[in-house]
Structures are given as structure tokens and as C-alpha cells.
Amino acid sequence: MDILKKYTFEDIRSYYENTKGNQAKGKIAESYFRYAKKTSSDIKLANAYQLLIDKYSETPRAFIIADSIILLSKNYNLQNYPAIGYYYKGSEY
């Protein structure tokens, strides 16, 4: 997981989007989520939640993850958050 330090979220997201197969995408999303939790960075964790929402798209879990983004970011001045959480919540609804 330390290898993830070398990359920006945009790099990881691009790699994620260009990866074929749901299982491989799921591994990328879960790995980035574990990495983000270890860093204790709210912005990295919010970004990881974005990947997890895509992984769990059209399931009740995606709706819960969108709530997590909103709760995590509502008291902070994070770029594009909590708006992204509300966007995903509306999309999943």
C-alpha cells in the first residue's frame, strides 16, 4: 500500500477507470480505501469513498457511502465536498 503514496488521486482514479473487470476495480477501490484510512487524511478518505460508490453502484451500500462522504466533509473546507456526496446520493436515489 505504500506504493500508493507515489500517486495522486487523479492518477489512481484514471487507472481505476481504465481497468477492465469489476473484480480488479474492486481491489483498487478497497486498497485505496485502506491506504486512506491509514493516512488519517479526510480528503483521501473522501476520495476513497468515491471509488467505493462506483464499486457498489446501484446498491444500498452506495447510498450509505454517499452519507459517509457528507458526514466526513460537512465540517471541513474540503475541495468539492460535501457537494460530491450529495451528488452521488442523488444519483443513487
C-alpha atoms as a PDB file:
ATOM      1  CA  MET A   1       0.000   0.000   0.000  1.00  0.00           C
ATOM      2  CA  ASP A   2       2.912   2.349   0.476  1.00  0.00           C
ATOM      3  CA  ILE A   3       3.270   2.442  -3.284  1.00  0.00           C
ATOM      4  CA  LEU A   4       0.052   4.478  -3.379  1.00  0.00           C
ATOM      5  CA  LYS A   5       1.927   7.409  -1.818  1.00  0.00           C
ATOM      6  CA  LYS A   6       3.623   7.994  -5.168  1.00  0.00           C
ATOM      7  CA  TYR A   7       0.379   8.715  -6.984  1.00  0.00           C
ATOM      8  CA  THR A   8      -2.225  11.449  -6.842  1.00  0.00           C
ATOM      9  CA  PHE A   9      -5.876  10.577  -6.519  1.00  0.00           C
ATOM     10  CA  GLU A  10      -6.349  11.663 -10.132  1.00  0.00           C
ATOM     11  CA  ASP A  11      -3.728   9.083 -11.191  1.00  0.00           C
ATOM     12  CA  ILE A  12      -5.426   6.339  -9.202  1.00  0.00           C
ATOM     13  CA  ARG A  13      -8.879   7.308 -10.446  1.00  0.00           C
ATOM     14  CA  SER A  14      -7.667   7.298 -14.055  1.00  0.00           C
ATOM     15  CA  TYR A  15      -6.117   3.859 -13.564  1.00  0.00           C
ATOM     16  CA  TYR A  16      -9.342   2.685 -11.912  1.00  0.00           C
ATOM     17  CA  GLU A  17     -11.500   3.961 -14.779  1.00  0.00           C
ATOM     18  CA  ASN A  18      -9.254   2.363 -17.403  1.00  0.00           C
ATOM     19  CA  THR A  19      -9.185  -1.010 -15.638  1.00  0.00           C
ATOM     20  CA  LYS A  20     -11.374  -3.713 -17.097  1.00  0.00           C
ATOM     21  CA  GLY A  21     -13.371  -6.001 -14.862  1.00  0.00           C
ATOM     22  CA  ASN A  22     -15.333  -5.328 -11.718  1.00  0.00           C
ATOM     23  CA  GLN A  23     -13.176  -7.581  -9.553  1.00  0.00           C
ATOM     24  CA  ALA A  24      -9.986  -5.695 -10.449  1.00  0.00           C
ATOM     25  CA  LYS A  25     -11.719  -2.348  -9.920  1.00  0.00           C
ATOM     26  CA  GLY A  26     -12.976  -3.557  -6.565  1.00  0.00           C
ATOM     27  CA  LYS A  27      -9.458  -4.415  -5.452  1.00  0.00           C
ATOM     28  CA  ILE A  28      -8.207  -0.973  -6.450  1.00  0.00           C
ATOM     29  CA  ALA A  29     -11.055   0.744  -4.576  1.00  0.00           C
ATOM     30  CA  GLU A  30     -10.579  -1.349  -1.441  1.00  0.00           C
ATOM     31  CA  SER A  31      -6.790  -0.890  -1.483  1.00  0.00           C
ATOM     32  CA  TYR A  32      -7.084   2.866  -1.805  1.00  0.00           C
ATOM     33  CA  PHE A  33      -9.676   2.936   0.970  1.00  0.00           C
ATOM     34  CA  ARG A  34      -7.355   1.037   3.345  1.00  0.00           C
ATOM     35  CA  TYR A  35      -4.499   3.364   2.412  1.00  0.00           C
ATOM     36  CA  ALA A  36      -6.653   6.454   3.006  1.00  0.00           C
ATOM     37  CA  LYS A  37      -7.730   5.203   6.435  1.00  0.00           C
ATOM     38  CA  LYS A  38      -4.087   4.722   7.447  1.00  0.00           C
ATOM     39  CA  THR A  39      -3.127   8.255   6.408  1.00  0.00           C
ATOM     40  CA  SER A  40      -5.865   9.835   8.550  1.00  0.00           C
ATOM     41  CA  SER A  41      -6.434  12.314   5.722  1.00  0.00           C
ATOM     42  CA  ASP A  42     -10.057  13.335   5.371  1.00  0.00           C
ATOM     43  CA  ILE A  43      -9.626  14.326   1.733  1.00  0.00           C
ATOM     44  CA  LYS A  44      -8.029  10.964   0.862  1.00  0.00           C
ATOM     45  CA  LEU A  45     -10.776   9.147   2.707  1.00  0.00           C
ATOM     46  CA  ALA A  46     -13.471  11.147   0.886  1.00  0.00           C
ATOM     47  CA  ASN A  47     -11.735  10.338  -2.411  1.00  0.00           C
ATOM     48  CA  ALA A  48     -11.636   6.650  -1.484  1.00  0.00           C
ATOM     49  CA  TYR A  49     -15.356   6.757  -0.780  1.00  0.00           C
ATOM     50  CA  GLN A  50     -15.861   7.996  -4.359  1.00  0.00           C
ATOM     51  CA  LEU A  51     -14.241   4.842  -5.720  1.00  0.00           C
ATOM     52  CA  LEU A  52     -16.281   2.673  -3.361  1.00  0.00           C
ATOM     53  CA  ILE A  53     -19.500   4.328  -4.514  1.00  0.00           C
ATOM     54  CA  ASP A  54     -18.628   3.345  -8.067  1.00  0.00           C
ATOM     55  CA  LYS A  55     -17.854  -0.203  -6.928  1.00  0.00           C
ATOM     56  CA  TYR A  56     -21.188  -0.505  -5.135  1.00  0.00           C
ATOM     57  CA  SER A  57     -23.192   1.493  -7.664  1.00  0.00           C
ATOM     58  CA  GLU A  58     -26.914   0.750  -7.698  1.00  0.00           C
ATOM     59  CA  THR A  59     -26.818  -0.993  -4.319  1.00  0.00           C
ATOM     60  CA  PRO A  60     -27.975   0.253  -0.920  1.00  0.00           C
ATOM     61  CA  ARG A  61     -24.342   0.374   0.175  1.00  0.00           C
ATOM     62  CA  ALA A  62     -23.593   3.189  -2.323  1.00  0.00           C
ATOM     63  CA  PHE A  63     -26.255   5.313  -0.650  1.00  0.00           C
ATOM     64  CA  ILE A  64     -24.655   4.702   2.762  1.00  0.00           C
ATOM     65  CA  ILE A  65     -21.196   5.552   1.408  1.00  0.00           C
ATOM     66  CA  ALA A  66     -22.546   8.829  -0.004  1.00  0.00           C
ATOM     67  CA  ASP A  67     -23.778   9.647   3.508  1.00  0.00           C
ATOM     68  CA  SER A  68     -20.281   8.894   4.796  1.00  0.00           C
ATOM     69  CA  ILE A  69     -18.800  11.438   2.387  1.00  0.00           C
ATOM     70  CA  ILE A  70     -21.295  14.043   3.556  1.00  0.00           C
ATOM     71  CA  LEU A  71     -20.704  13.383   7.256  1.00  0.00           C
ATOM     72  CA  LEU A  72     -16.934  13.300   6.847  1.00  0.00           C
ATOM     73  CA  SER A  73     -16.735  16.551   4.962  1.00  0.00           C
ATOM     74  CA  LYS A  74     -19.577  18.743   6.179  1.00  0.00           C
ATOM     75  CA  ASN A  75     -17.487  20.377   8.913  1.00  0.00           C
ATOM     76  CA  TYR A  76     -14.397  20.886   6.786  1.00  0.00           C
ATOM     77  CA  ASN A  77     -13.478  23.088   3.878  1.00  0.00           C
ATOM     78  CA  LEU A  78     -12.583  20.236   1.529  1.00  0.00           C
ATOM     79  CA  GLN A  79     -12.452  20.918  -2.192  1.00  0.00           C
ATOM     80  CA  ASN A  80     -15.737  19.893  -3.860  1.00  0.00           C
ATOM     81  CA  TYR A  81     -17.028  18.282  -0.667  1.00  0.00           C
ATOM     82  CA  PRO A  82     -19.672  17.671   0.642  1.00  0.00           C
ATOM     83  CA  ALA A  83     -21.237  18.532  -2.755  1.00  0.00           C
ATOM     84  CA  ILE A  84     -19.857  15.323  -4.279  1.00  0.00           C
ATOM     85  CA  GLY A  85     -21.547  13.303  -1.545  1.00  0.00           C
ATOM     86  CA  TYR A  86     -24.881  14.955  -2.240  1.00  0.00           C
ATOM     87  CA  TYR A  87     -24.382  14.407  -5.974  1.00  0.00           C
ATOM     88  CA  TYR A  88     -23.786  10.692  -5.502  1.00  0.00           C
ATOM     89  CA  LYS A  89     -26.646  10.410  -3.032  1.00  0.00           C
ATOM     90  CA  GLY A  90     -28.991  11.982  -5.579  1.00  0.00           C
ATOM     91  CA  SER A  91     -27.642   9.754  -8.343  1.00  0.00           C
ATOM     92  CA  GLU A  92     -28.178   6.605  -6.325  1.00  0.00           C
ATOM     93  CA  TYR A  93     -31.658   7.631  -5.250  1.00  0.00           C
END
